[in-house]
Structures are given as structure tokens and as C-alpha cells.
């Protein structure tokens, strides 16, 4: 069960990876088309505004089509084979489902308590998806339909039909069955979802009424779930769906940017629903404090090497909001520090919220700049100066607390353990030490008789496969922001975390048959090469 949940959580992150660029485009477009900031050049009828409106409308693609993106993206992580074809099946089935819902509501909406004449995107629960007027189920509907299609695809795609029915095999057969399945599913949805929407409205009021305490609890849970790969499941419904605000926090904030940029009222009053995206403050201010503590507590003769290790992962956290590289640096050797980190992150977010610092702050500096600092600095710059002061104070708190605990408990953080604790050995050095042949002497797994590439990246992928117990031990592989998520048959055949570090990875976590290998921001390329090594690239 844990393995399935982890894979599902990783699959949810796939479309979210597009937000970094889309946020930059929307942020800049909003800035350059807001007359209150740019002056007369940004008036409605100027060539400047018309040109930037074209760019801005394109930037809205990701935010305006979130359900469709999630419906297509889920099979990438969960389809066991022919994921591309499963994406097509999910896309068509999702459209079919919405056509069924639309037709049912056109006939029976009054009896179901749905105002189908209301404008799309309103509080009445109606939306337009790919030109289809339907119930506003947000991402939940897309995940439901896509999940059903994935199950059918994994079971039926390879079904052998008589030769004279061969034209209906493969994706056509899956869609035929999905088409039939969508009818009762649509019927169940139109009967139950309006009641779910009422419950969600009540839940919204409870969460928003919790104030800073609710923000702190949310951020703490998000951090402590990271080692298990389940944090996506916590924040995805809030950020991308209708749980807190119509359309999800990200889309609602992006839509509200022009209004926020022109308004002088506090952001906490204008958009209180955005408070739960405070998970990024610890990435911006907490991680540097942790890195400074690691450097200060390292042995003097090793500090240069520790600094070389910490600088890139700290910058990754600050700029991109990806914290796994440095968090896993101490998670393996001092897990108690991770709990402290989660608690401090919660306190930091609560302090920000208490001082009225509200906005989309879940990513790194690049995302925050595009969706907050750049477009809103002219009217809300004072709020961000307050955030800077609070953040720097917490950087100092992080440093003092971590330094005290490391020294008091004599924790083996980087630079404090054995001679090789801050260096990454090459894979060939590891092979030599264990009496194994060099990578270039082996054969590529999954392709009999074919020599392995001498290219460094391919050799690295081959080494990861070996550490995971070999090709025969791997059932499936997907990727997250920085991690490979691998399903293995026998956990006992998986090497220890130190072996993965020696091969060039940041570490590995094994929870039953679910293994997470922390690779870094190039995880997509590494996953592709691992699949090639397994013979899955065709």
C-alpha cells in the first residue's frame, strides 16, 4: 500500500514541475500590464499592453488547464507499460466523462440541486473544461477518471483478441471498456459531487478560521512527510484543487495578481486563502542556517570540502525550492534533526502569517519573485521587507539550534565523522574496492550482447541498476523532483545508502519494496538512462 501511495504522490508532481516557468511568465506579464506600476505605457489601448497580453494569455495555459494536465500526466508515473498510449486513453476518456456529465446536467440539473446556468468558475460549482460545460470537480475529477483508465490499461492493454477483431486491440480496446465505465461513473458523480462541494465549503471555513496555528500544523506535516515521499498528497489538493479556494491556491493567486498589484490593502486581507503556501520560507531562510551550522561544526581541516558540498545544495534550495539534497544529507545520520527542522519551519511560517505576509511562497526564490516580489513590490514592498527581517532572524535561530544539537549530541553531520564523510567516491573506485569489474567492462542490462556505453551518465545509470539489485529485481521506476522512485521485488538485494552515495547519488531510502534514490535536479535525465539500461526505452 505504501508503495502505491508513494508512486501516486510522485505522479502528482509531474504537472506541477511546469509551474516554475509558467509562474515567471504570468508574474512578468502581470507586472508589465499593470498601469498602477508601469504608468501610461501599460494603459489598456497601448501596443505595449496588447503585446504583453498575448504573452500573458499564453502563460495562463498551465493554470487554466490544470485538470486536463493532471488527467494526462498521471499515467506517466503509474502506467506499467506503454505510458504514452495510456496518456492518450486517459485524455480521451476524461473528455468523454465530461461530455456525459454535461449531458446529464443539461437534462436533470434542477433535480440534482445544480444551477447549470451559472457562469463557469463561479461558486455554483460549474466549470468549462476543453470547451465542455461540466461540474467543477477540479483536479479530483481528473485523477478519478485517469486512475480508472490506468487500472484498465494495466489489465487490458495486452489482451489478445481474435485476428478479425485485431483493429480493436490495444488502446482501442482500453478506450472501449473505459467508455462503458465512464457512464456509471458520470452518473455517480452528478448524484454525489454537489453534496461534496457543500462539505468542501464548510472545510474551507474551518481551515481559514484556524489562522496561524493552522498554517504551522500544515507546514510541519508537509516537512515530516518528505522522507516518505507523501508530501505531495498533502499539499496538492490545497494548491491545485478547490479545497480552499475556487480553482486551487496557485490558479486563484495568479488570477488575482492584477487586482493585488493595484490594491493597497494588506495581502492578508485581500487573499487570506493563500496562507497555506508558506512551506517555502524554510527553503529560503532555514536551509542556509542549517548549512552554516554544518560548516561551523565540521572539523577545521575538512571545512573546505564541506563548503564545496553545501554551497550547491543550499543554492538549489534557495533558488529552486528543492530541499531534498541537503535534507537527506542529515536525515540519514541524524534523523532527530529533521524533526527539529520541521518544527522550526512551522514556527517560521506561523511568524510570517502572524505579521501578515501572505502569498504563494511554496517554491524557491525564482517562483516567489515571479508570483510575489516582482509584480507586487510596488504596492506591497513593505510587507516583503518585514518577511526579510523575520526570515533572517530565523536563519540565525536555525544556526544556533542546529549547532547546539550537533555539538551537544555529537551528531555525525558532514565533516565530523570518518575521513571520507564529505567526499563522493567514483563508481570505479567502489567497484575496485569490492572486486567488481569496471562499468565499461560490463554489458547493458536488458539488451543481450550489447556493450554498455562508456559515457559517464550511462555508466552511472548502470551502476544504480546494480545497486538496486539488478534488472531482475526492478518492477517499475518513476521520478519525482529530485528522486528516482523504484519498486523492487526483493528489498534485501538493494545496497545500503552509503553505496549509492559512493556511486554519485545523494543517498537512498528503502521502505519495504519502495526505494527512493536521491539523485538531484537532473533526475529526469537519469531516469531516462536507467530505463534505457533496463531496456524500457522502446
Protein backbone atom coordinates (compact mmCIF):
# COMPACT_ATOMS: atom_id res chain seq x y z
CA UNK A 1 0.00 0.00 0.00
CA UNK A 2 2.80 2.44 0.93
CA UNK A 3 4.49 1.74 -2.40
CA UNK A 4 1.32 2.56 -4.33
CA UNK A 5 0.75 5.76 -2.34
CA UNK A 6 4.33 6.90 -2.93
CA UNK A 7 4.05 6.31 -6.68
CA UNK A 8 0.77 8.19 -6.78
CA UNK A 9 2.29 11.09 -4.86
CA UNK A 10 5.25 11.22 -7.24
CA UNK A 11 2.95 11.19 -10.26
CA UNK A 12 1.08 14.20 -8.88
CA UNK A 13 4.27 16.25 -9.06
CA UNK A 14 4.71 15.85 -12.83
CA UNK A 15 2.44 18.71 -13.99
CA UNK A 16 3.49 20.84 -11.01
CA UNK A 17 7.01 20.98 -12.46
CA UNK A 18 5.63 23.24 -15.19
CA UNK A 19 4.66 25.91 -12.66
CA UNK A 20 8.14 27.37 -12.34
CA UNK A 21 8.23 28.65 -15.90
CA UNK A 22 4.51 29.41 -16.12
CA UNK A 23 4.76 31.43 -12.91
CA UNK A 24 7.60 33.52 -14.31
CA UNK A 25 5.60 34.34 -17.46
CA UNK A 26 2.43 35.22 -15.51
CA UNK A 27 4.36 37.29 -12.97
CA UNK A 28 6.21 39.32 -15.58
CA UNK A 29 3.10 39.67 -17.74
CA UNK A 30 1.10 40.95 -14.77
CA UNK A 31 3.86 43.38 -13.84
CA UNK A 32 4.17 44.83 -17.34
CA UNK A 33 0.41 45.18 -17.90
CA UNK A 34 -0.44 46.83 -14.55
CA UNK A 35 -0.88 50.55 -15.14
CA UNK A 36 -0.56 51.35 -11.43
CA UNK A 37 3.03 50.09 -11.60
CA UNK A 38 4.22 50.77 -15.16
CA UNK A 39 2.40 54.04 -15.75
CA UNK A 40 0.77 55.23 -19.01
CA UNK A 41 2.71 52.74 -21.15
CA UNK A 42 0.56 49.97 -19.62
CA UNK A 43 -2.76 51.61 -20.47
CA UNK A 44 -5.33 49.27 -21.99
CA UNK A 45 -5.08 50.52 -25.58
CA UNK A 46 -1.29 50.75 -25.95
CA UNK A 47 0.76 48.49 -28.21
CA UNK A 48 2.91 47.59 -25.19
CA UNK A 49 -0.09 46.22 -23.27
CA UNK A 50 -1.51 44.38 -26.28
CA UNK A 51 1.82 42.68 -26.96
CA UNK A 52 2.29 41.62 -23.34
CA UNK A 53 -1.32 40.44 -23.16
CA UNK A 54 -0.54 37.94 -25.92
CA UNK A 55 2.40 36.60 -23.90
CA UNK A 56 0.37 36.63 -20.68
CA UNK A 57 -2.52 34.69 -22.22
CA UNK A 58 -0.07 32.00 -23.27
CA UNK A 59 1.37 31.94 -19.76
CA UNK A 60 -2.06 31.10 -18.35
CA UNK A 61 -2.10 27.75 -20.17
CA UNK A 62 -0.88 25.66 -17.24
CA UNK A 63 -3.10 27.34 -14.64
CA UNK A 64 -6.24 27.34 -16.82
CA UNK A 65 -5.97 23.69 -17.86
CA UNK A 66 -4.85 22.03 -14.61
CA UNK A 67 -7.45 19.23 -14.58
CA UNK A 68 -6.61 18.29 -18.15
CA UNK A 69 -2.89 18.29 -17.38
CA UNK A 70 -3.33 16.05 -14.35
CA UNK A 71 -5.52 13.63 -16.30
CA UNK A 72 -2.79 13.24 -18.92
CA UNK A 73 0.17 13.29 -16.52
CA UNK A 74 -0.93 10.61 -14.03
CA UNK A 75 -0.28 7.68 -16.41
CA UNK A 76 3.33 8.82 -16.84
CA UNK A 77 4.04 7.68 -13.31
CA UNK A 78 1.53 4.85 -12.88
CA UNK A 79 1.14 3.02 -16.20
CA UNK A 80 3.20 -0.17 -16.07
CA UNK A 81 3.89 -0.16 -19.80
CA UNK A 82 3.17 1.93 -22.88
CA UNK A 83 2.67 5.04 -20.75
CA UNK A 84 2.34 7.26 -23.81
CA UNK A 85 -0.64 5.29 -25.09
CA UNK A 86 -2.18 5.34 -21.61
CA UNK A 87 -1.91 9.14 -21.62
CA UNK A 88 -3.94 9.23 -24.83
CA UNK A 89 -6.52 6.83 -23.39
CA UNK A 90 -6.84 8.92 -20.23
CA UNK A 91 -7.19 12.14 -22.22
CA UNK A 92 -9.99 10.83 -24.44
CA UNK A 93 -11.77 9.11 -21.55
CA UNK A 94 -11.65 12.29 -19.46
CA UNK A 95 -13.27 14.25 -22.28
CA UNK A 96 -15.88 11.51 -22.68
CA UNK A 97 -16.62 11.59 -18.95
CA UNK A 98 -17.18 15.34 -19.05
CA UNK A 99 -19.46 15.08 -22.08
CA UNK A 100 -21.53 12.51 -20.18
CA UNK A 101 -21.72 14.76 -17.10
CA UNK A 102 -22.64 17.78 -19.22
CA UNK A 103 -25.43 15.91 -20.98
CA UNK A 104 -26.84 14.58 -17.70
CA UNK A 105 -26.83 18.02 -16.10
CA UNK A 106 -28.48 19.56 -19.16
CA UNK A 107 -31.43 17.26 -18.57
CA UNK A 108 -31.61 16.87 -14.80
CA UNK A 109 -29.62 19.72 -13.16
CA UNK A 110 -32.60 21.24 -11.23
CA UNK A 111 -33.43 17.87 -9.65
CA UNK A 112 -29.78 17.46 -8.60
CA UNK A 113 -29.60 20.90 -6.97
CA UNK A 114 -27.13 22.25 -9.54
CA UNK A 115 -27.52 25.69 -11.13
CA UNK A 116 -26.20 24.69 -14.55
CA UNK A 117 -26.97 28.16 -15.92
CA UNK A 118 -24.39 29.76 -13.59
CA UNK A 119 -21.24 31.15 -15.11
CA UNK A 120 -18.24 28.82 -15.23
CA UNK A 121 -15.77 29.25 -12.41
CA UNK A 122 -18.38 30.70 -10.05
CA UNK A 123 -19.21 29.45 -6.60
CA UNK A 124 -22.07 27.37 -8.08
CA UNK A 125 -19.69 24.52 -8.96
CA UNK A 126 -19.78 24.75 -12.75
CA UNK A 127 -16.68 24.75 -14.95
CA UNK A 128 -15.68 24.63 -18.60
CA UNK A 129 -13.04 22.02 -19.46
CA UNK A 130 -11.76 21.83 -23.04
CA UNK A 131 -14.91 23.66 -24.13
CA UNK A 132 -17.22 21.27 -22.25
CA UNK A 133 -19.58 22.76 -19.68
CA UNK A 134 -19.48 20.38 -16.72
CA UNK A 135 -19.26 20.03 -12.94
CA UNK A 136 -16.30 21.74 -11.35
CA UNK A 137 -14.50 18.79 -9.81
CA UNK A 138 -11.10 20.41 -10.18
CA UNK A 139 -8.16 18.04 -10.17
CA UNK A 140 -10.12 15.41 -8.21
CA UNK A 141 -12.28 14.53 -11.22
CA UNK A 142 -9.26 14.30 -13.48
CA UNK A 143 -7.43 12.00 -11.05
CA UNK A 144 -10.52 9.83 -10.59
CA UNK A 145 -11.02 9.27 -14.32
CA UNK A 146 -7.34 8.91 -15.06
CA UNK A 147 -6.95 6.41 -12.20
CA UNK A 148 -9.77 4.24 -13.59
CA UNK A 149 -8.22 4.32 -17.05
CA UNK A 150 -4.77 3.41 -15.70
CA UNK A 151 -6.21 0.34 -13.94
CA UNK A 152 -7.97 -0.73 -17.12
CA UNK A 153 -4.86 -0.06 -19.22
CA UNK A 154 -2.61 -2.13 -16.96
CA UNK A 155 -5.07 -5.03 -17.06
CA UNK A 156 -6.37 -4.93 -20.64
CA UNK A 157 -3.79 -3.34 -22.93
CA UNK A 158 -2.18 -6.67 -23.85
CA UNK A 159 -5.49 -8.52 -24.24
CA UNK A 160 -5.35 -10.81 -27.28
CA UNK A 161 -8.43 -10.55 -29.48
CA UNK A 162 -9.32 -12.79 -32.43
CA UNK A 163 -7.47 -11.76 -35.58
CA UNK A 164 -10.62 -10.47 -37.25
CA UNK A 165 -11.08 -8.10 -34.25
CA UNK A 166 -7.44 -7.01 -34.22
CA UNK A 167 -8.33 -3.44 -35.13
CA UNK A 168 -9.98 -3.13 -31.68
CA UNK A 169 -6.94 -4.27 -29.69
CA UNK A 170 -4.53 -2.22 -27.60
CA UNK A 171 -5.56 1.37 -26.87
CA UNK A 172 -8.84 0.99 -28.76
CA UNK A 173 -9.89 -1.89 -26.54
CA UNK A 174 -8.95 0.04 -23.40
CA UNK A 175 -10.96 3.05 -24.57
CA UNK A 176 -13.96 0.87 -25.44
CA UNK A 177 -14.06 -0.51 -21.90
CA UNK A 178 -13.33 2.96 -20.45
CA UNK A 179 -16.20 4.42 -22.47
CA UNK A 180 -18.61 1.98 -20.86
CA UNK A 181 -17.10 2.61 -17.41
CA UNK A 182 -17.47 6.37 -17.76
CA UNK A 183 -21.27 6.16 -17.97
CA UNK A 184 -21.95 4.86 -14.43
CA UNK A 185 -19.04 6.92 -13.12
CA UNK A 186 -20.57 10.11 -14.54
CA UNK A 187 -23.94 9.14 -13.07
CA UNK A 188 -22.44 8.60 -9.63
CA UNK A 189 -20.61 11.92 -9.83
CA UNK A 190 -23.64 14.04 -10.72
CA UNK A 191 -25.51 12.45 -7.79
CA UNK A 192 -22.81 12.90 -5.15
CA UNK A 193 -20.45 15.73 -6.11
CA UNK A 194 -22.84 18.64 -5.38
CA UNK A 195 -23.02 17.37 -1.78
CA UNK A 196 -19.22 17.10 -1.67
CA UNK A 197 -18.98 20.73 -2.75
CA UNK A 198 -21.11 21.78 0.23
CA UNK A 199 -18.80 19.85 2.57
CA UNK A 200 -15.74 21.44 0.99
CA UNK A 201 -17.16 24.90 1.61
CA UNK A 202 -17.54 24.11 5.32
CA UNK A 203 -13.99 22.72 5.42
CA UNK A 204 -12.67 25.90 3.81
CA UNK A 205 -14.13 27.99 6.59
CA UNK A 206 -12.63 25.74 9.27
CA UNK A 207 -9.13 25.88 7.77
CA UNK A 208 -9.20 29.63 7.19
CA UNK A 209 -10.51 30.18 10.71
CA UNK A 210 -7.53 28.33 12.22
CA UNK A 211 -5.22 31.25 11.35
CA UNK A 212 -1.51 30.99 12.06
CA UNK A 213 -1.91 27.77 14.06
CA UNK A 214 -3.42 26.04 11.03
CA UNK A 215 -0.55 27.26 8.86
CA UNK A 216 2.02 25.91 11.33
CA UNK A 217 0.40 22.48 11.52
CA UNK A 218 0.16 22.26 7.74
CA UNK A 219 3.83 23.19 7.21
CA UNK A 220 5.02 20.78 9.93
CA UNK A 221 3.14 17.89 8.34
CA UNK A 222 4.43 18.80 4.88
CA UNK A 223 8.05 18.67 6.07
CA UNK A 224 7.81 15.43 8.10
CA UNK A 225 6.16 13.63 5.17
CA UNK A 226 9.06 14.37 2.81
CA UNK A 227 11.17 11.32 3.79
CA UNK A 228 8.21 9.07 2.94
CA UNK A 229 7.51 10.80 -0.37
CA UNK A 230 3.95 11.59 0.73
CA UNK A 231 4.13 15.39 1.00
CA UNK A 232 2.65 15.81 -2.50
CA UNK A 233 -0.55 14.15 -1.29
CA UNK A 234 -0.88 16.72 1.50
CA UNK A 235 -0.45 19.94 -0.43
CA UNK A 236 -1.74 19.03 -3.91
CA UNK A 237 -5.48 19.30 -3.07
CA UNK A 238 -4.93 22.70 -1.45
CA UNK A 239 -2.62 24.15 -4.08
CA UNK A 240 -4.21 22.80 -7.27
CA UNK A 241 -7.81 21.96 -6.38
CA UNK A 242 -10.88 23.64 -4.89
CA UNK A 243 -10.35 22.63 -1.25
CA UNK A 244 -9.53 26.16 -0.03
CA UNK A 245 -10.42 28.44 -2.93
CA UNK A 246 -12.04 28.07 -6.34
CA UNK A 247 -9.52 26.67 -8.82
CA UNK A 248 -6.82 26.00 -6.22
CA UNK A 249 -4.49 28.46 -4.49
CA UNK A 250 -1.97 28.69 -7.34
CA UNK A 251 -4.52 29.42 -10.05
CA UNK A 252 -6.55 31.76 -7.83
CA UNK A 253 -3.44 33.73 -6.85
CA UNK A 254 -2.28 34.05 -10.45
CA UNK A 255 -5.74 35.27 -11.47
CA UNK A 256 -5.79 37.77 -8.59
CA UNK A 257 -2.35 39.26 -9.32
CA UNK A 258 -3.61 42.29 -11.30
CA UNK A 259 -6.07 43.17 -8.53
CA UNK A 260 -3.47 42.61 -5.81
CA UNK A 261 -0.89 44.72 -7.67
CA UNK A 262 -3.28 47.65 -7.85
CA UNK A 263 -4.65 47.40 -4.29
CA UNK A 264 -3.10 48.97 -1.22
CA UNK A 265 -4.81 46.84 1.43
CA UNK A 266 -2.79 44.18 3.30
CA UNK A 267 -2.36 40.93 1.40
CA UNK A 268 -3.62 39.02 4.41
CA UNK A 269 -6.97 40.81 3.99
CA UNK A 270 -7.06 40.55 0.18
CA UNK A 271 -6.15 36.86 -0.11
CA UNK A 272 -6.20 35.06 3.27
CA UNK A 273 -6.74 31.75 1.44
CA UNK A 274 -3.11 31.86 0.20
CA UNK A 275 -1.68 31.43 3.71
CA UNK A 276 -1.10 27.67 3.42
CA UNK A 277 1.58 28.07 0.76
CA UNK A 278 4.09 29.16 3.41
CA UNK A 279 6.11 25.96 3.03
CA UNK A 280 8.83 27.76 1.07
CA UNK A 281 10.10 30.07 3.80
CA UNK A 282 12.23 27.34 5.37
CA UNK A 283 13.74 26.69 1.93
CA UNK A 284 14.74 30.33 1.65
CA UNK A 285 15.92 31.02 5.21
CA UNK A 286 16.07 27.74 7.14
CA UNK A 287 18.34 25.74 4.84
CA UNK A 288 21.10 28.43 4.83
CA UNK A 289 21.06 28.36 8.64
CA UNK A 290 21.41 24.57 8.61
CA UNK A 291 24.26 24.74 6.08
CA UNK A 292 26.07 27.33 8.20
CA UNK A 293 25.73 25.09 11.26
CA UNK A 294 27.18 22.13 9.34
CA UNK A 295 30.11 24.25 8.22
CA UNK A 296 30.76 25.68 11.70
CA UNK A 297 30.69 22.25 13.37
CA UNK A 298 32.87 20.49 10.78
CA UNK A 299 36.47 19.79 11.64
CA UNK A 300 38.65 22.72 10.56
CA UNK A 301 40.68 20.66 8.09
CA UNK A 302 37.51 19.48 6.35
CA UNK A 303 35.58 22.73 6.09
CA UNK A 304 36.65 23.47 2.53
CA UNK A 305 35.29 20.15 1.34
CA UNK A 306 32.14 20.60 3.40
CA UNK A 307 31.67 24.05 1.88
CA UNK A 308 32.00 22.62 -1.62
CA UNK A 309 29.28 20.10 -0.74
CA UNK A 310 26.93 22.60 0.89
CA UNK A 311 27.06 25.58 -1.46
CA UNK A 312 25.36 23.94 -4.49
CA UNK A 313 22.63 22.22 -2.46
CA UNK A 314 21.93 25.41 -0.50
CA UNK A 315 21.62 27.43 -3.70
CA UNK A 316 19.33 24.73 -5.09
CA UNK A 317 17.07 25.18 -2.08
CA UNK A 318 17.10 28.98 -2.19
CA UNK A 319 16.63 29.42 -5.93
CA UNK A 320 14.55 26.38 -6.90
CA UNK A 321 12.89 25.39 -3.64
CA UNK A 322 14.22 21.83 -3.84
CA UNK A 323 15.42 20.85 -0.37
CA UNK A 324 15.87 17.09 -0.61
CA UNK A 325 19.63 17.19 -1.39
CA UNK A 326 20.58 18.92 1.85
CA UNK A 327 17.76 17.45 3.95
CA UNK A 328 18.82 13.93 3.08
CA UNK A 329 22.39 14.90 3.90
CA UNK A 330 21.47 14.86 7.59
CA UNK A 331 18.32 12.70 7.53
CA UNK A 332 20.35 9.51 7.33
CA UNK A 333 22.88 10.34 10.05
CA UNK A 334 20.76 12.45 12.40
CA UNK A 335 17.01 11.98 11.82
CA UNK A 336 16.22 13.85 15.04
CA UNK A 337 17.50 16.99 13.34
CA UNK A 338 14.87 16.55 10.65
CA UNK A 339 12.07 16.69 13.22
CA UNK A 340 13.63 19.87 14.66
CA UNK A 341 13.82 21.27 11.13
CA UNK A 342 10.11 20.57 10.58
CA UNK A 343 9.22 22.26 13.88
CA UNK A 344 11.31 25.35 13.09
CA UNK A 345 9.80 25.53 9.60
CA UNK A 346 6.34 25.53 11.19
CA UNK A 347 7.33 28.31 13.60
CA UNK A 348 8.79 30.37 10.76
CA UNK A 349 5.64 30.07 8.68
CA UNK A 350 3.47 30.96 11.67
CA UNK A 351 5.55 34.08 12.31
CA UNK A 352 5.22 35.15 8.69
CA UNK A 353 1.47 34.66 8.80
CA UNK A 354 1.12 36.50 12.10
CA UNK A 355 2.82 39.55 10.56
CA UNK A 356 0.53 39.49 7.52
CA UNK A 357 2.99 38.01 4.99
CA UNK A 358 0.64 36.08 2.71
CA UNK A 359 1.14 34.90 -0.86
CA UNK A 360 2.36 31.97 -2.94
CA UNK A 361 5.52 31.04 -1.05
CA UNK A 362 5.89 27.29 -1.57
CA UNK A 363 8.76 27.31 -4.07
CA UNK A 364 12.17 28.94 -4.18
CA UNK A 365 13.28 32.48 -4.86
CA UNK A 366 12.64 32.21 -8.61
CA UNK A 367 8.99 31.25 -8.12
CA UNK A 368 8.46 33.71 -5.28
CA UNK A 369 9.93 36.53 -7.34
CA UNK A 370 7.71 35.81 -10.32
CA UNK A 371 4.45 35.41 -8.38
CA UNK A 372 5.06 37.79 -5.47
CA UNK A 373 8.08 40.05 -5.21
CA UNK A 374 8.33 41.36 -8.80
CA UNK A 375 4.67 42.05 -9.65
CA UNK A 376 3.67 43.20 -6.13
CA UNK A 377 6.76 45.02 -4.85
CA UNK A 378 5.48 48.47 -5.82
CA UNK A 379 2.35 48.22 -3.65
CA UNK A 380 3.38 45.64 -1.04
CA UNK A 381 7.14 46.11 -0.76
CA UNK A 382 6.93 46.93 2.93
CA UNK A 383 5.37 43.52 3.60
CA UNK A 384 8.31 41.82 1.91
CA UNK A 385 10.79 43.85 3.96
CA UNK A 386 9.05 42.51 7.07
CA UNK A 387 9.37 38.99 5.62
CA UNK A 388 13.09 39.52 5.02
CA UNK A 389 13.64 40.64 8.63
CA UNK A 390 11.70 37.68 10.03
CA UNK A 391 13.48 35.26 7.71
CA UNK A 392 16.97 36.45 8.63
CA UNK A 393 16.12 36.17 12.33
CA UNK A 394 15.04 32.58 11.78
CA UNK A 395 18.22 31.84 9.80
CA UNK A 396 20.10 32.77 12.96
CA UNK A 397 17.74 30.63 15.06
CA UNK A 398 18.29 27.67 12.75
CA UNK A 399 22.04 28.12 13.00
CA UNK A 400 22.11 28.35 16.81
CA UNK A 401 19.73 25.42 17.36
CA UNK A 402 21.41 23.10 14.87
CA UNK A 403 24.91 23.98 16.05
CA UNK A 404 23.93 23.36 19.68
CA UNK A 405 22.31 19.99 18.94
CA UNK A 406 25.14 18.79 16.70
CA UNK A 407 27.77 19.57 19.31
CA UNK A 408 25.70 18.51 22.33
CA UNK A 409 24.64 15.17 20.83
CA UNK A 410 27.89 14.69 18.87
CA UNK A 411 25.97 14.05 15.66
CA UNK A 412 27.92 12.79 12.64
CA UNK A 413 26.95 15.51 10.22
CA UNK A 414 29.20 16.28 7.20
CA UNK A 415 32.81 16.88 8.20
CA UNK A 416 32.51 15.32 11.66
CA UNK A 417 32.71 11.57 11.03
CA UNK A 418 35.30 9.45 9.23
CA UNK A 419 37.88 10.62 6.76
CA UNK A 420 35.64 10.03 3.76
CA UNK A 421 32.42 11.53 5.06
CA UNK A 422 32.48 14.60 2.82
CA UNK A 423 33.82 13.15 -0.41
CA UNK A 424 31.98 11.23 -3.10
CA UNK A 425 33.99 8.34 -4.47
CA UNK A 426 33.66 7.38 -8.12
CA UNK A 427 31.80 4.24 -9.14
CA UNK A 428 35.00 2.68 -10.44
CA UNK A 429 36.66 3.23 -7.06
CA UNK A 430 33.75 1.48 -5.41
CA UNK A 431 33.92 -1.39 -7.91
CA UNK A 432 37.63 -1.79 -7.36
CA UNK A 433 37.20 -1.88 -3.59
CA UNK A 434 34.60 -4.64 -3.87
CA UNK A 435 36.32 -6.71 -6.53
CA UNK A 436 33.80 -5.89 -9.26
CA UNK A 437 34.58 -5.17 -12.93
CA UNK A 438 34.67 -1.60 -14.17
CA UNK A 439 31.45 -0.24 -15.67
CA UNK A 440 32.76 -0.18 -19.20
CA UNK A 441 33.60 -3.89 -18.99
CA UNK A 442 30.00 -4.92 -18.31
CA UNK A 443 27.01 -5.28 -20.56
CA UNK A 444 23.94 -3.06 -20.68
CA UNK A 445 21.12 -4.72 -18.80
CA UNK A 446 18.08 -5.64 -20.84
CA UNK A 447 19.92 -5.81 -24.18
CA UNK A 448 21.77 -9.11 -24.58
CA UNK A 449 25.21 -8.90 -26.12
CA UNK A 450 25.22 -5.11 -26.35
CA UNK A 451 28.21 -3.36 -24.78
CA UNK A 452 27.49 -0.72 -22.16
CA UNK A 453 28.15 2.86 -23.16
CA UNK A 454 31.41 4.31 -21.93
CA UNK A 455 29.61 7.59 -21.48
CA UNK A 456 29.74 8.61 -17.82
CA UNK A 457 25.97 9.14 -17.45
CA UNK A 458 25.13 5.74 -18.89
CA UNK A 459 27.69 4.07 -16.65
CA UNK A 460 26.15 5.90 -13.67
CA UNK A 461 22.69 4.63 -14.59
CA UNK A 462 24.04 1.09 -14.95
CA UNK A 463 25.60 1.35 -11.51
CA UNK A 464 22.30 2.45 -9.97
CA UNK A 465 20.57 -0.56 -11.51
CA UNK A 466 23.18 -2.85 -9.97
CA UNK A 467 22.79 -1.24 -6.53
CA UNK A 468 19.04 -1.76 -6.78
CA UNK A 469 19.63 -5.48 -7.11
CA UNK A 470 19.90 -5.75 -10.87
CA UNK A 471 17.39 -5.53 -13.67
CA UNK A 472 15.55 -8.62 -12.48
CA UNK A 473 14.87 -7.01 -9.11
CA UNK A 474 13.23 -3.87 -10.56
CA UNK A 475 9.47 -3.91 -11.19
CA UNK A 476 8.91 -0.25 -12.02
CA UNK A 477 10.57 3.15 -11.97
CA UNK A 478 9.30 6.73 -11.92
CA UNK A 479 10.86 10.05 -10.95
CA UNK A 480 9.99 12.99 -8.69
CA UNK A 481 11.65 16.42 -8.40
CA UNK A 482 14.99 15.01 -7.26
CA UNK A 483 14.38 11.30 -6.66
CA UNK A 484 14.01 8.04 -8.52
CA UNK A 485 11.10 6.05 -7.12
CA UNK A 486 11.73 2.35 -7.71
CA UNK A 487 9.58 -0.69 -6.98
CA UNK A 488 11.76 -3.73 -6.23
CA UNK A 489 10.92 -7.40 -5.82
CA UNK A 490 13.39 -8.16 -3.03
CA UNK A 491 14.47 -5.29 -0.70
CA UNK A 492 17.25 -7.49 0.62
CA UNK A 493 19.10 -7.20 -2.68
CA UNK A 494 19.21 -3.38 -2.52
CA UNK A 495 22.56 -1.92 -1.44
CA UNK A 496 22.98 0.30 1.61
CA UNK A 497 22.59 4.06 1.31
CA UNK A 498 26.35 4.59 1.50
CA UNK A 499 26.86 2.57 -1.65
CA UNK A 500 24.54 4.89 -3.56
CA UNK A 501 26.46 7.90 -2.24
CA UNK A 502 29.72 6.30 -3.34
CA UNK A 503 28.25 5.84 -6.82
CA UNK A 504 27.42 9.55 -7.09
CA UNK A 505 23.84 9.79 -5.73
CA UNK A 506 22.86 11.79 -2.65
CA UNK A 507 21.55 8.71 -0.83
CA UNK A 508 18.70 6.21 -0.81
CA UNK A 509 15.72 5.32 1.38
CA UNK A 510 14.21 1.84 1.39
CA UNK A 511 10.71 1.40 2.84
CA UNK A 512 9.70 -2.17 2.15
CA UNK A 513 9.66 -2.74 -1.59
CA UNK A 514 9.60 1.00 -2.33
CA UNK A 515 13.05 2.55 -2.80
CA UNK A 516 13.78 6.24 -3.29
CA UNK A 517 17.18 7.16 -4.73
CA UNK A 518 18.03 10.84 -4.21
CA UNK A 519 19.71 11.92 -7.44
CA UNK A 520 19.33 15.68 -7.78
CA UNK A 521 17.73 18.11 -10.22
CA UNK A 522 18.90 16.05 -13.22
CA UNK A 523 16.68 13.17 -12.12
CA UNK A 524 14.65 13.19 -15.36
CA UNK A 525 17.73 12.53 -17.47
CA UNK A 526 19.00 9.91 -15.04
CA UNK A 527 15.61 8.14 -15.06
CA UNK A 528 15.68 8.05 -18.85
CA UNK A 529 19.14 6.47 -18.87
CA UNK A 530 18.15 3.94 -16.20
CA UNK A 531 15.14 2.94 -18.29
CA UNK A 532 17.45 2.60 -21.27
CA UNK A 533 19.75 0.39 -19.22
CA UNK A 534 16.74 -1.77 -18.35
CA UNK A 535 15.67 -1.97 -21.97
CA UNK A 536 12.47 0.02 -21.30
CA UNK A 537 13.14 2.94 -23.63
CA UNK A 538 11.47 1.36 -26.60
